[in-house]
Amino acid sequence: MSARHDGQSAVGGVVYLIHLERPYRHARHYLGFTADLSRRISEHRCGAGSPLLRAAGSVGIDFEVVRTWPGDRRLERRLHNYKNTPARLCPVCRGETSPATGQPLPTGPAMPSQAATP
């Protein structure tokens, strides 16, 4: 575990990508990090946590976790900083699957090389 200047450690967990069933204003995706994905998704569905997912849920927009990676907050930040990351990494947007069909989501391509380097 490495110390960070903001007091948070770089403890491993899961970086996850959520695809909204339809856009909320300009947003179609949410990228997050958690140590407990099931708990975090339950929180999102209850309106806790992300203001984007709370707002989308309030107007009836559902969402689905479409991709996960083992990682930490540093990986989440690198992915956030990489241009158009959600659309590039989202299997739904890439035409690899559809949330409506219930098909298994592939693990897909590796992360962009800029995001994968520490």
N, C-alpha and C. Protein backbone atom coordinates (compact mmCIF):
# COMPACT_ATOMS: atom_id res chain seq x y z
N MET A 1 0.85 -1.16 0.00
CA MET A 1 0.00 0.00 0.00
C MET A 1 0.90 1.23 0.00
N SER A 2 0.64 2.14 -0.90
CA SER A 2 1.46 3.34 -0.96
C SER A 2 0.68 4.54 -0.45
N ALA A 3 1.37 5.40 0.26
CA ALA A 3 0.73 6.61 0.79
C ALA A 3 0.57 7.63 -0.33
N ARG A 4 -0.47 8.42 -0.22
CA ARG A 4 -0.72 9.48 -1.20
C ARG A 4 -0.85 10.79 -0.47
N HIS A 5 -0.63 11.88 -1.19
CA HIS A 5 -0.67 13.20 -0.56
C HIS A 5 -2.06 13.58 -0.06
N ASP A 6 -3.12 12.93 -0.59
CA ASP A 6 -4.47 13.29 -0.16
C ASP A 6 -4.95 12.43 1.01
N GLY A 7 -4.06 11.60 1.54
CA GLY A 7 -4.43 10.79 2.69
C GLY A 7 -5.08 9.47 2.35
N GLN A 8 -5.37 9.25 1.07
CA GLN A 8 -5.97 7.98 0.66
C GLN A 8 -4.87 7.05 0.22
N SER A 9 -5.05 5.78 0.49
CA SER A 9 -4.06 4.81 0.02
C SER A 9 -4.46 4.32 -1.36
N ALA A 10 -3.53 3.70 -2.02
CA ALA A 10 -3.77 3.16 -3.36
C ALA A 10 -4.14 1.69 -3.26
N VAL A 11 -5.00 1.36 -2.31
CA VAL A 11 -5.43 -0.01 -2.08
C VAL A 11 -6.18 -0.50 -3.31
N GLY A 12 -5.94 -1.75 -3.66
CA GLY A 12 -6.60 -2.34 -4.82
C GLY A 12 -8.08 -2.54 -4.61
N GLY A 13 -8.76 -2.66 -5.70
CA GLY A 13 -10.19 -2.89 -5.71
C GLY A 13 -10.62 -3.13 -7.14
N VAL A 14 -11.71 -2.51 -7.53
CA VAL A 14 -12.26 -2.68 -8.86
C VAL A 14 -12.57 -1.31 -9.46
N VAL A 15 -12.09 -1.10 -10.68
CA VAL A 15 -12.51 0.05 -11.46
C VAL A 15 -13.61 -0.46 -12.37
N TYR A 16 -14.72 0.27 -12.44
CA TYR A 16 -15.88 -0.22 -13.18
C TYR A 16 -16.42 0.85 -14.11
N LEU A 17 -17.00 0.38 -15.21
CA LEU A 17 -17.59 1.26 -16.20
C LEU A 17 -19.09 0.97 -16.27
N ILE A 18 -19.88 2.01 -16.09
CA ILE A 18 -21.34 1.89 -16.18
C ILE A 18 -21.80 2.55 -17.47
N HIS A 19 -22.70 1.87 -18.17
CA HIS A 19 -23.32 2.39 -19.39
C HIS A 19 -24.77 2.72 -19.07
N LEU A 20 -25.18 3.96 -19.33
CA LEU A 20 -26.58 4.36 -19.13
C LEU A 20 -27.40 3.90 -20.33
N GLU A 21 -28.62 3.44 -20.07
CA GLU A 21 -29.44 2.92 -21.18
C GLU A 21 -29.77 3.99 -22.21
N ARG A 22 -29.79 5.23 -21.80
CA ARG A 22 -29.91 6.37 -22.73
C ARG A 22 -29.17 7.54 -22.08
N PRO A 23 -28.71 8.49 -22.87
CA PRO A 23 -27.92 9.58 -22.29
C PRO A 23 -28.72 10.41 -21.28
N TYR A 24 -28.02 10.87 -20.27
CA TYR A 24 -28.58 11.86 -19.36
C TYR A 24 -27.84 13.15 -19.67
N ARG A 25 -28.55 14.10 -20.27
CA ARG A 25 -27.93 15.32 -20.78
C ARG A 25 -26.79 14.91 -21.71
N HIS A 26 -25.57 15.19 -21.36
CA HIS A 26 -24.44 14.84 -22.23
C HIS A 26 -23.82 13.49 -21.87
N ALA A 27 -24.16 12.93 -20.73
CA ALA A 27 -23.46 11.76 -20.21
C ALA A 27 -24.08 10.45 -20.64
N ARG A 28 -23.23 9.51 -20.97
CA ARG A 28 -23.67 8.16 -21.34
C ARG A 28 -23.00 7.11 -20.47
N HIS A 29 -21.93 7.50 -19.72
CA HIS A 29 -21.15 6.56 -18.93
C HIS A 29 -20.78 7.14 -17.58
N TYR A 30 -20.44 6.23 -16.68
CA TYR A 30 -19.89 6.60 -15.38
C TYR A 30 -18.74 5.64 -15.11
N LEU A 31 -17.60 6.17 -14.73
CA LEU A 31 -16.44 5.36 -14.41
C LEU A 31 -16.14 5.56 -12.93
N GLY A 32 -16.00 4.47 -12.19
CA GLY A 32 -15.76 4.58 -10.76
C GLY A 32 -14.82 3.53 -10.24
N PHE A 33 -14.53 3.63 -8.96
CA PHE A 33 -13.65 2.70 -8.25
C PHE A 33 -14.33 2.31 -6.95
N THR A 34 -14.16 1.06 -6.54
CA THR A 34 -14.66 0.60 -5.26
C THR A 34 -13.90 -0.63 -4.81
N ALA A 35 -13.93 -0.88 -3.53
CA ALA A 35 -13.37 -2.12 -2.99
C ALA A 35 -14.43 -3.21 -2.96
N ASP A 36 -15.71 -2.83 -3.06
CA ASP A 36 -16.82 -3.79 -2.99
C ASP A 36 -17.84 -3.41 -4.06
N LEU A 37 -17.75 -4.04 -5.22
CA LEU A 37 -18.59 -3.67 -6.36
C LEU A 37 -20.08 -3.88 -6.09
N SER A 38 -20.45 -5.01 -5.51
CA SER A 38 -21.87 -5.27 -5.25
C SER A 38 -22.48 -4.19 -4.36
N ARG A 39 -21.76 -3.85 -3.29
CA ARG A 39 -22.26 -2.82 -2.37
C ARG A 39 -22.37 -1.48 -3.09
N ARG A 40 -21.35 -1.14 -3.87
CA ARG A 40 -21.35 0.16 -4.54
C ARG A 40 -22.47 0.27 -5.56
N ILE A 41 -22.73 -0.77 -6.31
CA ILE A 41 -23.81 -0.73 -7.29
C ILE A 41 -25.15 -0.61 -6.57
N SER A 42 -25.30 -1.29 -5.46
CA SER A 42 -26.53 -1.14 -4.66
C SER A 42 -26.70 0.30 -4.19
N GLU A 43 -25.61 0.92 -3.77
CA GLU A 43 -25.67 2.32 -3.36
C GLU A 43 -26.08 3.21 -4.53
N HIS A 44 -25.49 2.97 -5.69
CA HIS A 44 -25.87 3.76 -6.88
C HIS A 44 -27.36 3.60 -7.17
N ARG A 45 -27.85 2.39 -7.10
CA ARG A 45 -29.27 2.13 -7.42
C ARG A 45 -30.21 2.78 -6.40
N CYS A 46 -29.72 2.99 -5.19
CA CYS A 46 -30.52 3.64 -4.14
C CYS A 46 -30.36 5.16 -4.15
N GLY A 47 -29.57 5.68 -5.08
CA GLY A 47 -29.39 7.12 -5.18
C GLY A 47 -28.27 7.68 -4.33
N ALA A 48 -27.45 6.81 -3.74
CA ALA A 48 -26.33 7.28 -2.93
C ALA A 48 -25.06 7.32 -3.78
N GLY A 49 -24.23 8.29 -3.52
CA GLY A 49 -22.95 8.33 -4.23
C GLY A 49 -22.96 9.30 -5.38
N SER A 50 -22.85 8.81 -6.57
CA SER A 50 -22.67 9.62 -7.76
C SER A 50 -23.88 10.52 -8.06
N PRO A 51 -23.67 11.83 -8.14
CA PRO A 51 -24.76 12.73 -8.53
C PRO A 51 -25.30 12.42 -9.93
N LEU A 52 -24.42 12.00 -10.84
CA LEU A 52 -24.87 11.65 -12.19
C LEU A 52 -25.85 10.48 -12.16
N LEU A 53 -25.49 9.41 -11.47
CA LEU A 53 -26.37 8.24 -11.45
C LEU A 53 -27.65 8.52 -10.66
N ARG A 54 -27.56 9.35 -9.64
CA ARG A 54 -28.77 9.73 -8.88
C ARG A 54 -29.71 10.52 -9.79
N ALA A 55 -29.17 11.48 -10.55
CA ALA A 55 -29.99 12.29 -11.45
C ALA A 55 -30.58 11.42 -12.57
N ALA A 56 -29.77 10.55 -13.14
CA ALA A 56 -30.26 9.67 -14.21
C ALA A 56 -31.38 8.78 -13.68
N GLY A 57 -31.18 8.21 -12.49
CA GLY A 57 -32.20 7.35 -11.90
C GLY A 57 -33.49 8.10 -11.61
N SER A 58 -33.39 9.37 -11.24
CA SER A 58 -34.59 10.15 -10.92
C SER A 58 -35.48 10.39 -12.13
N VAL A 59 -34.91 10.28 -13.33
CA VAL A 59 -35.72 10.44 -14.55
C VAL A 59 -35.93 9.09 -15.24
N GLY A 60 -35.68 8.01 -14.52
CA GLY A 60 -35.99 6.68 -15.03
C GLY A 60 -34.97 6.06 -15.96
N ILE A 61 -33.75 6.55 -15.95
CA ILE A 61 -32.70 5.96 -16.79
C ILE A 61 -32.00 4.86 -16.01
N ASP A 62 -32.05 3.66 -16.54
CA ASP A 62 -31.39 2.52 -15.90
C ASP A 62 -29.94 2.47 -16.36
N PHE A 63 -29.15 1.64 -15.70
CA PHE A 63 -27.75 1.50 -16.07
C PHE A 63 -27.30 0.07 -15.84
N GLU A 64 -26.15 -0.25 -16.42
CA GLU A 64 -25.57 -1.58 -16.30
C GLU A 64 -24.06 -1.46 -16.21
N VAL A 65 -23.46 -2.26 -15.35
CA VAL A 65 -22.00 -2.35 -15.32
C VAL A 65 -21.60 -3.18 -16.52
N VAL A 66 -20.79 -2.59 -17.40
CA VAL A 66 -20.44 -3.29 -18.65
C VAL A 66 -18.99 -3.74 -18.70
N ARG A 67 -18.17 -3.25 -17.79
CA ARG A 67 -16.77 -3.67 -17.80
C ARG A 67 -16.16 -3.37 -16.45
N THR A 68 -15.25 -4.25 -16.02
CA THR A 68 -14.51 -4.05 -14.77
C THR A 68 -13.04 -4.40 -14.99
N TRP A 69 -12.19 -3.78 -14.17
CA TRP A 69 -10.76 -4.06 -14.17
C TRP A 69 -10.28 -4.10 -12.73
N PRO A 70 -9.40 -5.03 -12.39
CA PRO A 70 -8.77 -4.93 -11.07
C PRO A 70 -7.88 -3.69 -11.08
N GLY A 71 -7.92 -2.93 -10.02
CA GLY A 71 -7.11 -1.72 -10.01
C GLY A 71 -7.33 -0.91 -8.76
N ASP A 72 -6.88 0.33 -8.83
CA ASP A 72 -6.99 1.23 -7.69
C ASP A 72 -7.40 2.62 -8.19
N ARG A 73 -7.41 3.58 -7.29
CA ARG A 73 -7.83 4.93 -7.67
C ARG A 73 -6.89 5.56 -8.71
N ARG A 74 -5.64 5.14 -8.69
CA ARG A 74 -4.71 5.67 -9.70
C ARG A 74 -5.14 5.23 -11.10
N LEU A 75 -5.56 3.98 -11.25
CA LEU A 75 -6.05 3.50 -12.54
C LEU A 75 -7.32 4.25 -12.92
N GLU A 76 -8.22 4.42 -11.97
CA GLU A 76 -9.44 5.18 -12.26
C GLU A 76 -9.09 6.58 -12.77
N ARG A 77 -8.17 7.25 -12.12
CA ARG A 77 -7.79 8.59 -12.53
C ARG A 77 -7.16 8.59 -13.92
N ARG A 78 -6.28 7.63 -14.20
CA ARG A 78 -5.67 7.54 -15.53
C ARG A 78 -6.74 7.34 -16.60
N LEU A 79 -7.72 6.50 -16.32
CA LEU A 79 -8.78 6.28 -17.30
C LEU A 79 -9.63 7.53 -17.48
N HIS A 80 -9.92 8.23 -16.39
CA HIS A 80 -10.67 9.49 -16.51
C HIS A 80 -9.93 10.51 -17.37
N ASN A 81 -8.62 10.51 -17.26
CA ASN A 81 -7.82 11.49 -17.99
C ASN A 81 -7.57 11.14 -19.45
N TYR A 82 -7.87 9.92 -19.84
CA TYR A 82 -7.65 9.49 -21.21
C TYR A 82 -8.85 9.90 -22.06
N LYS A 83 -8.62 10.58 -23.16
CA LYS A 83 -9.69 11.14 -23.98
C LYS A 83 -10.67 10.07 -24.46
N ASN A 84 -11.96 10.31 -24.25
CA ASN A 84 -13.05 9.44 -24.69
C ASN A 84 -12.94 8.01 -24.19
N THR A 85 -12.36 7.82 -23.03
CA THR A 85 -12.17 6.47 -22.50
C THR A 85 -13.46 5.66 -22.43
N PRO A 86 -14.54 6.19 -21.83
CA PRO A 86 -15.73 5.34 -21.72
C PRO A 86 -16.22 4.80 -23.06
N ALA A 87 -16.34 5.65 -24.05
CA ALA A 87 -16.83 5.19 -25.35
C ALA A 87 -15.87 4.19 -25.99
N ARG A 88 -14.58 4.40 -25.81
CA ARG A 88 -13.59 3.48 -26.38
C ARG A 88 -13.61 2.13 -25.69
N LEU A 89 -13.88 2.10 -24.40
CA LEU A 89 -13.84 0.86 -23.63
C LEU A 89 -15.20 0.20 -23.43
N CYS A 90 -16.26 0.88 -23.78
CA CYS A 90 -17.61 0.36 -23.55
C CYS A 90 -17.99 -0.66 -24.64
N PRO A 91 -18.25 -1.90 -24.25
CA PRO A 91 -18.63 -2.90 -25.25
C PRO A 91 -19.97 -2.59 -25.91
N VAL A 92 -20.86 -1.91 -25.22
CA VAL A 92 -22.15 -1.55 -25.80
C VAL A 92 -21.94 -0.53 -26.91
N CYS A 93 -21.17 0.51 -26.62
CA CYS A 93 -20.93 1.56 -27.62
C CYS A 93 -20.10 1.05 -28.79
N ARG A 94 -19.29 0.05 -28.53
CA ARG A 94 -18.46 -0.51 -29.59
C ARG A 94 -19.21 -1.55 -30.40
N GLY A 95 -20.46 -1.80 -30.06
CA GLY A 95 -21.27 -2.75 -30.81
C GLY A 95 -20.97 -4.20 -30.49
N GLU A 96 -20.31 -4.45 -29.37
CA GLU A 96 -19.95 -5.82 -28.99
C GLU A 96 -21.08 -6.56 -28.29
N THR A 97 -22.02 -5.81 -27.72
CA THR A 97 -23.13 -6.43 -27.00
C THR A 97 -24.22 -5.40 -26.77
N SER A 98 -25.33 -5.84 -26.26
CA SER A 98 -26.43 -4.94 -25.94
C SER A 98 -26.94 -5.25 -24.54
N PRO A 99 -27.15 -4.25 -23.71
CA PRO A 99 -27.69 -4.52 -22.38
C PRO A 99 -29.08 -5.13 -22.44
N ALA A 100 -29.82 -4.84 -23.49
CA ALA A 100 -31.19 -5.33 -23.59
C ALA A 100 -31.26 -6.83 -23.86
N THR A 101 -30.21 -7.41 -24.48
CA THR A 101 -30.26 -8.83 -24.84
C THR A 101 -29.86 -9.75 -23.71
N GLY A 102 -29.13 -9.21 -22.73
CA GLY A 102 -28.67 -10.04 -21.64
C GLY A 102 -27.48 -10.92 -22.01
N GLN A 103 -26.88 -10.65 -23.17
CA GLN A 103 -25.70 -11.42 -23.57
C GLN A 103 -24.56 -11.13 -22.61
N PRO A 104 -23.71 -12.16 -22.38
CA PRO A 104 -22.54 -11.90 -21.52
C PRO A 104 -21.66 -10.83 -22.14
N LEU A 105 -21.14 -9.97 -21.31
CA LEU A 105 -20.27 -8.90 -21.78
C LEU A 105 -18.84 -9.42 -21.85
N PRO A 106 -18.16 -9.20 -22.95
CA PRO A 106 -16.78 -9.68 -23.09
C PRO A 106 -15.82 -8.87 -22.24
N THR A 107 -14.68 -9.44 -21.95
CA THR A 107 -13.66 -8.69 -21.24
C THR A 107 -13.05 -7.65 -22.15
N GLY A 108 -13.12 -7.85 -23.45
CA GLY A 108 -12.73 -6.86 -24.42
C GLY A 108 -11.24 -6.60 -24.47
N PRO A 109 -10.87 -5.56 -25.22
CA PRO A 109 -9.46 -5.25 -25.42
C PRO A 109 -8.84 -4.70 -24.15
N ALA A 110 -7.55 -4.74 -24.13
CA ALA A 110 -6.81 -4.17 -23.00
C ALA A 110 -7.05 -2.68 -22.95
N MET A 111 -6.75 -2.12 -21.82
CA MET A 111 -6.90 -0.68 -21.66
C MET A 111 -5.93 0.03 -22.60
N PRO A 112 -6.24 1.27 -22.92
CA PRO A 112 -5.33 2.04 -23.76
C PRO A 112 -3.94 2.10 -23.12
N SER A 113 -2.92 2.06 -23.96
CA SER A 113 -1.56 2.00 -23.44
C SER A 113 -1.23 3.20 -22.56
N GLN A 114 -1.77 4.37 -22.87
CA GLN A 114 -1.51 5.55 -22.04
C GLN A 114 -2.08 5.36 -20.64
N ALA A 115 -3.19 4.64 -20.52
CA ALA A 115 -3.82 4.45 -19.21
C ALA A 115 -3.19 3.31 -18.44
N ALA A 116 -2.58 2.38 -19.14
CA ALA A 116 -2.07 1.19 -18.48
C ALA A 116 -0.70 1.39 -17.85
N THR A 117 -0.02 2.46 -18.19
CA THR A 117 1.31 2.66 -17.62
C THR A 117 1.23 3.41 -16.31
N PRO A 118 1.98 2.98 -15.30
CA PRO A 118 1.91 3.66 -14.01
C PRO A 118 2.49 5.05 -14.03
